[in-house]
Amino acid sequence: MDNASDRLLNAVEEFERVAEAATADEAATSFDQSTLQVFWQRWPNVSSWAGALWRKLNEDLAEPATPLEDSEHHEIGGEGG
């Protein structure tokens, strides 16, 4: 999975560069037709996967972290013997 992680990071970085280089309107009028067709055909699947991953992460990251004091693994001093 590390390779997939690296590939995703690279893809996001490249996508950001494309988005910075041209607005959506500029892309629609200046990208070649083959590129636009491939994007049009493949984006729904990629977008669906990315949206599902984002929602999962959003759920996981939206929960506040548990303070150490409230952790079930935090040992509270007991009676000495």
PDB file of N, CA and C in Angstrom:
ATOM      1  N   MET A   1       0.810  -1.199   0.000  1.00  0.00           N
ATOM      2  CA  MET A   1       0.000   0.000   0.000  1.00  0.00           C
ATOM      3  C   MET A   1       0.850   1.260   0.000  1.00  0.00           C
ATOM      4  N   ASP A   2       2.085   1.172   0.469  1.00  0.00           N
ATOM      5  CA  ASP A   2       2.933   2.358   0.467  1.00  0.00           C
ATOM      6  C   ASP A   2       3.068   2.929  -0.934  1.00  0.00           C
ATOM      7  N   ASN A   3       3.195   2.064  -1.929  1.00  0.00           N
ATOM      8  CA  ASN A   3       3.306   2.531  -3.303  1.00  0.00           C
ATOM      9  C   ASN A   3       2.027   3.265  -3.725  1.00  0.00           C
ATOM     10  N   ALA A   4       0.887   2.726  -3.334  1.00  0.00           N
ATOM     11  CA  ALA A   4      -0.383   3.382  -3.658  1.00  0.00           C
ATOM     12  C   ALA A   4      -0.474   4.734  -2.945  1.00  0.00           C
ATOM     13  N   SER A   5       0.016   4.806  -1.721  1.00  0.00           N
ATOM     14  CA  SER A   5       0.013   6.075  -0.981  1.00  0.00           C
ATOM     15  C   SER A   5       0.863   7.115  -1.699  1.00  0.00           C
ATOM     16  N   ASP A   6       2.048   6.713  -2.109  1.00  0.00           N
ATOM     17  CA  ASP A   6       2.936   7.631  -2.838  1.00  0.00           C
ATOM     18  C   ASP A   6       2.301   8.073  -4.146  1.00  0.00           C
ATOM     19  N   ARG A   7       1.678   7.142  -4.844  1.00  0.00           N
ATOM     20  CA  ARG A   7       1.047   7.480  -6.122  1.00  0.00           C
ATOM     21  C   ARG A   7      -0.100   8.456  -5.919  1.00  0.00           C
ATOM     22  N   LEU A   8      -0.878   8.263  -4.843  1.00  0.00           N
ATOM     23  CA  LEU A   8      -1.978   9.190  -4.571  1.00  0.00           C
ATOM     24  C   LEU A   8      -1.440  10.582  -4.264  1.00  0.00           C
ATOM     25  N   LEU A   9      -0.409  10.671  -3.434  1.00  0.00           N
ATOM     26  CA  LEU A   9       0.177  11.979  -3.125  1.00  0.00           C
ATOM     27  C   LEU A   9       0.684  12.668  -4.383  1.00  0.00           C
ATOM     28  N   ASN A  10       1.355  11.924  -5.236  1.00  0.00           N
ATOM     29  CA  ASN A  10       1.856  12.489  -6.497  1.00  0.00           C
ATOM     30  C   ASN A  10       0.704  12.944  -7.386  1.00  0.00           C
ATOM     31  N   ALA A  11      -0.350  12.140  -7.457  1.00  0.00           N
ATOM     32  CA  ALA A  11      -1.497  12.498  -8.290  1.00  0.00           C
ATOM     33  C   ALA A  11      -2.172  13.773  -7.785  1.00  0.00           C
ATOM     34  N   VAL A  12      -2.325  13.899  -6.468  1.00  0.00           N
ATOM     35  CA  VAL A  12      -2.944  15.096  -5.900  1.00  0.00           C
ATOM     36  C   VAL A  12      -2.080  16.319  -6.190  1.00  0.00           C
ATOM     37  N   GLU A  13      -0.774  16.174  -6.032  1.00  0.00           N
ATOM     38  CA  GLU A  13       0.130  17.297  -6.329  1.00  0.00           C
ATOM     39  C   GLU A  13       0.031  17.700  -7.795  1.00  0.00           C
ATOM     40  N   GLU A  14       0.009  16.741  -8.691  1.00  0.00           N
ATOM     41  CA  GLU A  14      -0.098  17.048 -10.118  1.00  0.00           C
ATOM     42  C   GLU A  14      -1.450  17.686 -10.443  1.00  0.00           C
ATOM     43  N   PHE A  15      -2.508  17.168  -9.847  1.00  0.00           N
ATOM     44  CA  PHE A  15      -3.835  17.733 -10.080  1.00  0.00           C
ATOM     45  C   PHE A  15      -3.888  19.179  -9.609  1.00  0.00           C
ATOM     46  N   GLU A  16      -3.270  19.466  -8.461  1.00  0.00           N
ATOM     47  CA  GLU A  16      -3.220  20.845  -7.963  1.00  0.00           C
ATOM     48  C   GLU A  16      -2.476  21.745  -8.940  1.00  0.00           C
ATOM     49  N   ARG A  17      -1.399  21.264  -9.521  1.00  0.00           N
ATOM     50  CA  ARG A  17      -0.637  22.059 -10.499  1.00  0.00           C
ATOM     51  C   ARG A  17      -1.486  22.376 -11.727  1.00  0.00           C
ATOM     52  N   VAL A  18      -2.239  21.388 -12.181  1.00  0.00           N
ATOM     53  CA  VAL A  18      -3.119  21.617 -13.335  1.00  0.00           C
ATOM     54  C   VAL A  18      -4.179  22.649 -12.978  1.00  0.00           C
ATOM     55  N   ALA A  19      -4.777  22.512 -11.790  1.00  0.00           N
ATOM     56  CA  ALA A  19      -5.824  23.447 -11.365  1.00  0.00           C
ATOM     57  C   ALA A  19      -5.286  24.864 -11.212  1.00  0.00           C
ATOM     58  N   GLU A  20      -4.025  24.977 -10.796  1.00  0.00           N
ATOM     59  CA  GLU A  20      -3.407  26.302 -10.663  1.00  0.00           C
ATOM     60  C   GLU A  20      -3.063  26.902 -12.025  1.00  0.00           C
ATOM     61  N   ALA A  21      -2.817  26.056 -13.010  1.00  0.00           N
ATOM     62  CA  ALA A  21      -2.395  26.521 -14.329  1.00  0.00           C
ATOM     63  C   ALA A  21      -3.558  27.011 -15.186  1.00  0.00           C
ATOM     64  N   ALA A  22      -4.759  26.499 -14.929  1.00  0.00           N
ATOM     65  CA  ALA A  22      -5.894  26.880 -15.771  1.00  0.00           C
ATOM     66  C   ALA A  22      -7.188  26.761 -14.986  1.00  0.00           C
ATOM     67  N   THR A  23      -8.082  27.707 -15.208  1.00  0.00           N
ATOM     68  CA  THR A  23      -9.409  27.593 -14.615  1.00  0.00           C
ATOM     69  C   THR A  23     -10.161  26.482 -15.343  1.00  0.00           C
ATOM     70  N   ALA A  24     -11.274  26.070 -14.795  1.00  0.00           N
ATOM     71  CA  ALA A  24     -12.084  25.043 -15.463  1.00  0.00           C
ATOM     72  C   ALA A  24     -12.540  25.525 -16.848  1.00  0.00           C
ATOM     73  N   ASP A  25     -12.933  26.800 -16.958  1.00  0.00           N
ATOM     74  CA  ASP A  25     -13.353  27.339 -18.252  1.00  0.00           C
ATOM     75  C   ASP A  25     -12.200  27.339 -19.250  1.00  0.00           C
ATOM     76  N   GLU A  26     -11.009  27.730 -18.786  1.00  0.00           N
ATOM     77  CA  GLU A  26      -9.840  27.717 -19.676  1.00  0.00           C
ATOM     78  C   GLU A  26      -9.508  26.303 -20.121  1.00  0.00           C
ATOM     79  N   ALA A  27      -9.599  25.352 -19.194  1.00  0.00           N
ATOM     80  CA  ALA A  27      -9.313  23.959 -19.541  1.00  0.00           C
ATOM     81  C   ALA A  27     -10.302  23.444 -20.578  1.00  0.00           C
ATOM     82  N   ALA A  28     -11.574  23.763 -20.400  1.00  0.00           N
ATOM     83  CA  ALA A  28     -12.607  23.285 -21.319  1.00  0.00           C
ATOM     84  C   ALA A  28     -12.403  23.809 -22.742  1.00  0.00           C
ATOM     85  N   THR A  29     -11.818  24.990 -22.859  1.00  0.00           N
ATOM     86  CA  THR A  29     -11.632  25.558 -24.197  1.00  0.00           C
ATOM     87  C   THR A  29     -10.230  25.360 -24.763  1.00  0.00           C
ATOM     88  N   SER A  30      -9.252  25.031 -23.899  1.00  0.00           N
ATOM     89  CA  SER A  30      -7.880  24.937 -24.410  1.00  0.00           C
ATOM     90  C   SER A  30      -7.285  23.526 -24.397  1.00  0.00           C
ATOM     91  N   PHE A  31      -7.783  22.627 -23.539  1.00  0.00           N
ATOM     92  CA  PHE A  31      -7.251  21.263 -23.536  1.00  0.00           C
ATOM     93  C   PHE A  31      -7.701  20.559 -24.805  1.00  0.00           C
ATOM     94  N   ASP A  32      -6.869  19.632 -25.270  1.00  0.00           N
ATOM     95  CA  ASP A  32      -7.242  18.903 -26.492  1.00  0.00           C
ATOM     96  C   ASP A  32      -8.443  17.991 -26.214  1.00  0.00           C
ATOM     97  N   GLN A  33      -9.166  17.680 -27.282  1.00  0.00           N
ATOM     98  CA  GLN A  33     -10.406  16.904 -27.160  1.00  0.00           C
ATOM     99  C   GLN A  33     -10.187  15.521 -26.548  1.00  0.00           C
ATOM    100  N   SER A  34      -9.071  14.884 -26.843  1.00  0.00           N
ATOM    101  CA  SER A  34      -8.806  13.562 -26.267  1.00  0.00           C
ATOM    102  C   SER A  34      -8.690  13.642 -24.751  1.00  0.00           C
ATOM    103  N   THR A  35      -7.990  14.637 -24.272  1.00  0.00           N
ATOM    104  CA  THR A  35      -7.836  14.831 -22.832  1.00  0.00           C
ATOM    105  C   THR A  35      -9.186  15.087 -22.174  1.00  0.00           C
ATOM    106  N   LEU A  36      -9.980  15.940 -22.785  1.00  0.00           N
ATOM    107  CA  LEU A  36     -11.292  16.252 -22.233  1.00  0.00           C
ATOM    108  C   LEU A  36     -12.203  15.029 -22.225  1.00  0.00           C
ATOM    109  N   GLN A  37     -12.134  14.213 -23.277  1.00  0.00           N
ATOM    110  CA  GLN A  37     -12.957  13.001 -23.338  1.00  0.00           C
ATOM    111  C   GLN A  37     -12.557  11.999 -22.248  1.00  0.00           C
ATOM    112  N   VAL A  38     -11.259  11.809 -22.071  1.00  0.00           N
ATOM    113  CA  VAL A  38     -10.785  10.885 -21.034  1.00  0.00           C
ATOM    114  C   VAL A  38     -11.220  11.392 -19.658  1.00  0.00           C
ATOM    115  N   PHE A  39     -11.060  12.679 -19.413  1.00  0.00           N
ATOM    116  CA  PHE A  39     -11.494  13.254 -18.138  1.00  0.00           C
ATOM    117  C   PHE A  39     -12.987  13.025 -17.942  1.00  0.00           C
ATOM    118  N   TRP A  40     -13.774  13.320 -18.960  1.00  0.00           N
ATOM    119  CA  TRP A  40     -15.233  13.184 -18.884  1.00  0.00           C
ATOM    120  C   TRP A  40     -15.646  11.743 -18.597  1.00  0.00           C
ATOM    121  N   GLN A  41     -14.955  10.793 -19.205  1.00  0.00           N
ATOM    122  CA  GLN A  41     -15.306   9.386 -19.027  1.00  0.00           C
ATOM    123  C   GLN A  41     -14.866   8.836 -17.672  1.00  0.00           C
ATOM    124  N   ARG A  42     -13.701   9.220 -17.210  1.00  0.00           N
ATOM    125  CA  ARG A  42     -13.127   8.617 -15.999  1.00  0.00           C
ATOM    126  C   ARG A  42     -13.426   9.364 -14.711  1.00  0.00           C
ATOM    127  N   TRP A  43     -13.702  10.658 -14.800  1.00  0.00           N
ATOM    128  CA  TRP A  43     -13.869  11.447 -13.586  1.00  0.00           C
ATOM    129  C   TRP A  43     -14.974  10.948 -12.662  1.00  0.00           C
ATOM    130  N   PRO A  44     -16.132  10.522 -13.160  1.00  0.00           N
ATOM    131  CA  PRO A  44     -17.172  10.077 -12.218  1.00  0.00           C
ATOM    132  C   PRO A  44     -16.693   8.976 -11.263  1.00  0.00           C
ATOM    133  N   ASN A  45     -15.943   7.997 -11.750  1.00  0.00           N
ATOM    134  CA  ASN A  45     -15.440   6.925 -10.897  1.00  0.00           C
ATOM    135  C   ASN A  45     -14.396   7.450  -9.914  1.00  0.00           C
ATOM    136  N   VAL A  46     -13.469   8.256 -10.409  1.00  0.00           N
ATOM    137  CA  VAL A  46     -12.423   8.819  -9.552  1.00  0.00           C
ATOM    138  C   VAL A  46     -13.052   9.734  -8.505  1.00  0.00           C
ATOM    139  N   SER A  47     -13.975  10.553  -8.921  1.00  0.00           N
ATOM    140  CA  SER A  47     -14.640  11.487  -8.014  1.00  0.00           C
ATOM    141  C   SER A  47     -15.424  10.746  -6.935  1.00  0.00           C
ATOM    142  N   SER A  48     -16.097   9.668  -7.308  1.00  0.00           N
ATOM    143  CA  SER A  48     -16.858   8.879  -6.356  1.00  0.00           C
ATOM    144  C   SER A  48     -15.939   8.269  -5.301  1.00  0.00           C
ATOM    145  N   TRP A  49     -14.824   7.689  -5.745  1.00  0.00           N
ATOM    146  CA  TRP A  49     -13.853   7.083  -4.822  1.00  0.00           C
ATOM    147  C   TRP A  49     -13.262   8.151  -3.908  1.00  0.00           C
ATOM    148  N   ALA A  50     -12.855   9.275  -4.487  1.00  0.00           N
ATOM    149  CA  ALA A  50     -12.243  10.343  -3.699  1.00  0.00           C
ATOM    150  C   ALA A  50     -13.244  10.909  -2.696  1.00  0.00           C
ATOM    151  N   GLY A  51     -14.488  11.062  -3.103  1.00  0.00           N
ATOM    152  CA  GLY A  51     -15.513  11.566  -2.195  1.00  0.00           C
ATOM    153  C   GLY A  51     -15.753  10.613  -1.034  1.00  0.00           C
ATOM    154  N   ALA A  52     -15.776   9.302  -1.317  1.00  0.00           N
ATOM    155  CA  ALA A  52     -15.973   8.312  -0.257  1.00  0.00           C
ATOM    156  C   ALA A  52     -14.807   8.337   0.720  1.00  0.00           C
ATOM    157  N   LEU A  53     -13.586   8.440   0.206  1.00  0.00           N
ATOM    158  CA  LEU A  53     -12.411   8.508   1.071  1.00  0.00           C
ATOM    159  C   LEU A  53     -12.448   9.784   1.903  1.00  0.00           C
ATOM    160  N   TRP A  54     -12.778  10.895   1.291  1.00  0.00           N
ATOM    161  CA  TRP A  54     -12.847  12.165   2.012  1.00  0.00           C
ATOM    162  C   TRP A  54     -13.885  12.097   3.128  1.00  0.00           C
ATOM    163  N   ARG A  55     -15.071  11.549   2.829  1.00  0.00           N
ATOM    164  CA  ARG A  55     -16.117  11.450   3.850  1.00  0.00           C
ATOM    165  C   ARG A  55     -15.661  10.576   5.018  1.00  0.00           C
ATOM    166  N   LYS A  56     -14.988   9.459   4.725  1.00  0.00           N
ATOM    167  CA  LYS A  56     -14.479   8.574   5.774  1.00  0.00           C
ATOM    168  C   LYS A  56     -13.476   9.313   6.650  1.00  0.00           C
ATOM    169  N   LEU A  57     -12.536   9.991   6.023  1.00  0.00           N
ATOM    170  CA  LEU A  57     -11.537  10.747   6.776  1.00  0.00           C
ATOM    171  C   LEU A  57     -12.185  11.878   7.567  1.00  0.00           C
ATOM    172  N   ASN A  58     -13.159  12.534   6.978  1.00  0.00           N
ATOM    173  CA  ASN A  58     -13.852  13.627   7.656  1.00  0.00           C
ATOM    174  C   ASN A  58     -14.547  13.117   8.912  1.00  0.00           C
ATOM    175  N   GLU A  59     -15.185  11.954   8.825  1.00  0.00           N
ATOM    176  CA  GLU A  59     -15.819  11.359   9.998  1.00  0.00           C
ATOM    177  C   GLU A  59     -14.776  11.045  11.068  1.00  0.00           C
ATOM    178  N   ASP A  60     -13.676  10.427  10.641  1.00  0.00           N
ATOM    179  CA  ASP A  60     -12.630  10.037  11.589  1.00  0.00           C
ATOM    180  C   ASP A  60     -11.953  11.245  12.221  1.00  0.00           C
ATOM    181  N   LEU A  61     -11.690  12.263  11.431  1.00  0.00           N
ATOM    182  CA  LEU A  61     -10.956  13.425  11.917  1.00  0.00           C
ATOM    183  C   LEU A  61     -11.851  14.440  12.618  1.00  0.00           C
ATOM    184  N   ALA A  62     -13.148  14.351  12.412  1.00  0.00           N
ATOM    185  CA  ALA A  62     -14.071  15.296  13.032  1.00  0.00           C
ATOM    186  C   ALA A  62     -14.265  15.010  14.513  1.00  0.00           C
ATOM    187  N   GLU A  63     -13.993  13.764  14.916  1.00  0.00           N
ATOM    188  CA  GLU A  63     -14.136  13.423  16.324  1.00  0.00           C
ATOM    189  C   GLU A  63     -12.970  14.019  17.098  1.00  0.00           C
ATOM    190  N   PRO A  64     -13.263  14.697  18.196  1.00  0.00           N
ATOM    191  CA  PRO A  64     -12.163  15.280  18.964  1.00  0.00           C
ATOM    192  C   PRO A  64     -11.293  14.177  19.567  1.00  0.00           C
ATOM    193  N   ALA A  65     -10.030  14.469  19.680  1.00  0.00           N
ATOM    194  CA  ALA A  65      -9.106  13.527  20.287  1.00  0.00           C
ATOM    195  C   ALA A  65      -9.452  13.371  21.763  1.00  0.00           C
ATOM    196  N   THR A  66      -9.255  12.181  22.273  1.00  0.00           N
ATOM    197  CA  THR A  66      -9.508  11.914  23.676  1.00  0.00           C
ATOM    198  C   THR A  66      -8.304  12.351  24.493  1.00  0.00           C
ATOM    199  N   PRO A  67      -8.519  13.218  25.470  1.00  0.00           N
ATOM    200  CA  PRO A  67      -7.392  13.615  26.310  1.00  0.00           C
ATOM    201  C   PRO A  67      -6.820  12.399  27.035  1.00  0.00           C
ATOM    202  N   LEU A  68      -5.547  12.424  27.287  1.00  0.00           N
ATOM    203  CA  LEU A  68      -4.873  11.316  27.940  1.00  0.00           C
ATOM    204  C   LEU A  68      -5.544  10.954  29.251  1.00  0.00           C
ATOM    205  N   GLU A  69      -6.005  11.950  29.998  1.00  0.00           N
ATOM    206  CA  GLU A  69      -6.621  11.698  31.294  1.00  0.00           C
ATOM    207  C   GLU A  69      -7.885  10.860  31.167  1.00  0.00           C
ATOM    208  N   ASP A  70      -8.588  10.979  30.048  1.00  0.00           N
ATOM    209  CA  ASP A  70      -9.846  10.256  29.861  1.00  0.00           C
ATOM    210  C   ASP A  70      -9.652   8.925  29.152  1.00  0.00           C
ATOM    211  N   SER A  71      -8.461   8.610  28.774  1.00  0.00           N
ATOM    212  CA  SER A  71      -8.192   7.388  28.035  1.00  0.00           C
ATOM    213  C   SER A  71      -8.382   6.177  28.926  1.00  0.00           C
ATOM    214  N   GLU A  72      -8.949   5.118  28.389  1.00  0.00           N
ATOM    215  CA  GLU A  72      -9.136   3.894  29.160  1.00  0.00           C
ATOM    216  C   GLU A  72      -7.805   3.220  29.470  1.00  0.00           C
ATOM    217  N   HIS A  73      -6.769   3.615  28.775  1.00  0.00           N
ATOM    218  CA  HIS A  73      -5.454   3.024  28.977  1.00  0.00           C
ATOM    219  C   HIS A  73      -4.603   3.809  29.967  1.00  0.00           C
ATOM    220  N   HIS A  74      -5.146   4.916  30.421  1.00  0.00           N
ATOM    221  CA  HIS A  74      -4.414   5.747  31.365  1.00  0.00           C
ATOM    222  C   HIS A  74      -4.487   5.107  32.756  1.00  0.00           C
ATOM    223  N   GLU A  75      -3.367   4.831  33.328  1.00  0.00           N
ATOM    224  CA  GLU A  75      -3.334   4.201  34.641  1.00  0.00           C
ATOM    225  C   GLU A  75      -3.441   5.264  35.716  1.00  0.00           C
ATOM    226  N   ILE A  76      -4.313   5.031  36.621  1.00  0.00           N
ATOM    227  CA  ILE A  76      -4.478   5.936  37.741  1.00  0.00           C
ATOM    228  C   ILE A  76      -3.786   5.296  38.941  1.00  0.00           C
ATOM    229  N   GLY A  77      -3.049   6.097  39.650  1.00  0.00           N
ATOM    230  CA  GLY A  77      -2.305   5.576  40.793  1.00  0.00           C
ATOM    231  C   GLY A  77      -3.200   4.811  41.748  1.00  0.00           C
ATOM    232  N   GLY A  78      -2.754   3.661  42.133  1.00  0.00           N
ATOM    233  CA  GLY A  78      -3.540   2.829  43.042  1.00  0.00           C
ATOM    234  C   GLY A  78      -2.910   2.793  44.411  1.00  0.00           C
ATOM    235  N   GLU A  79      -3.410   1.894  45.163  1.00  0.00           N
ATOM    236  CA  GLU A  79      -2.916   1.746  46.516  1.00  0.00           C
ATOM    237  C   GLU A  79      -1.559   1.059  46.492  1.00  0.00           C
ATOM    238  N   GLY A  80      -0.619   1.591  47.217  1.00  0.00           N
ATOM    239  CA  GLY A  80       0.713   0.997  47.282  1.00  0.00           C
ATOM    240  C   GLY A  80       0.725  -0.176  48.232  1.00  0.00           C
ATOM    241  N   GLY A  81       1.702  -1.030  48.053  1.00  0.00           N
ATOM    242  CA  GLY A  81       1.679  -2.166  48.945  1.00  0.00           C
ATOM    243  C   GLY A  81       2.968  -2.473  49.574  1.00  0.00           C
TER     244      GLY A  81
END
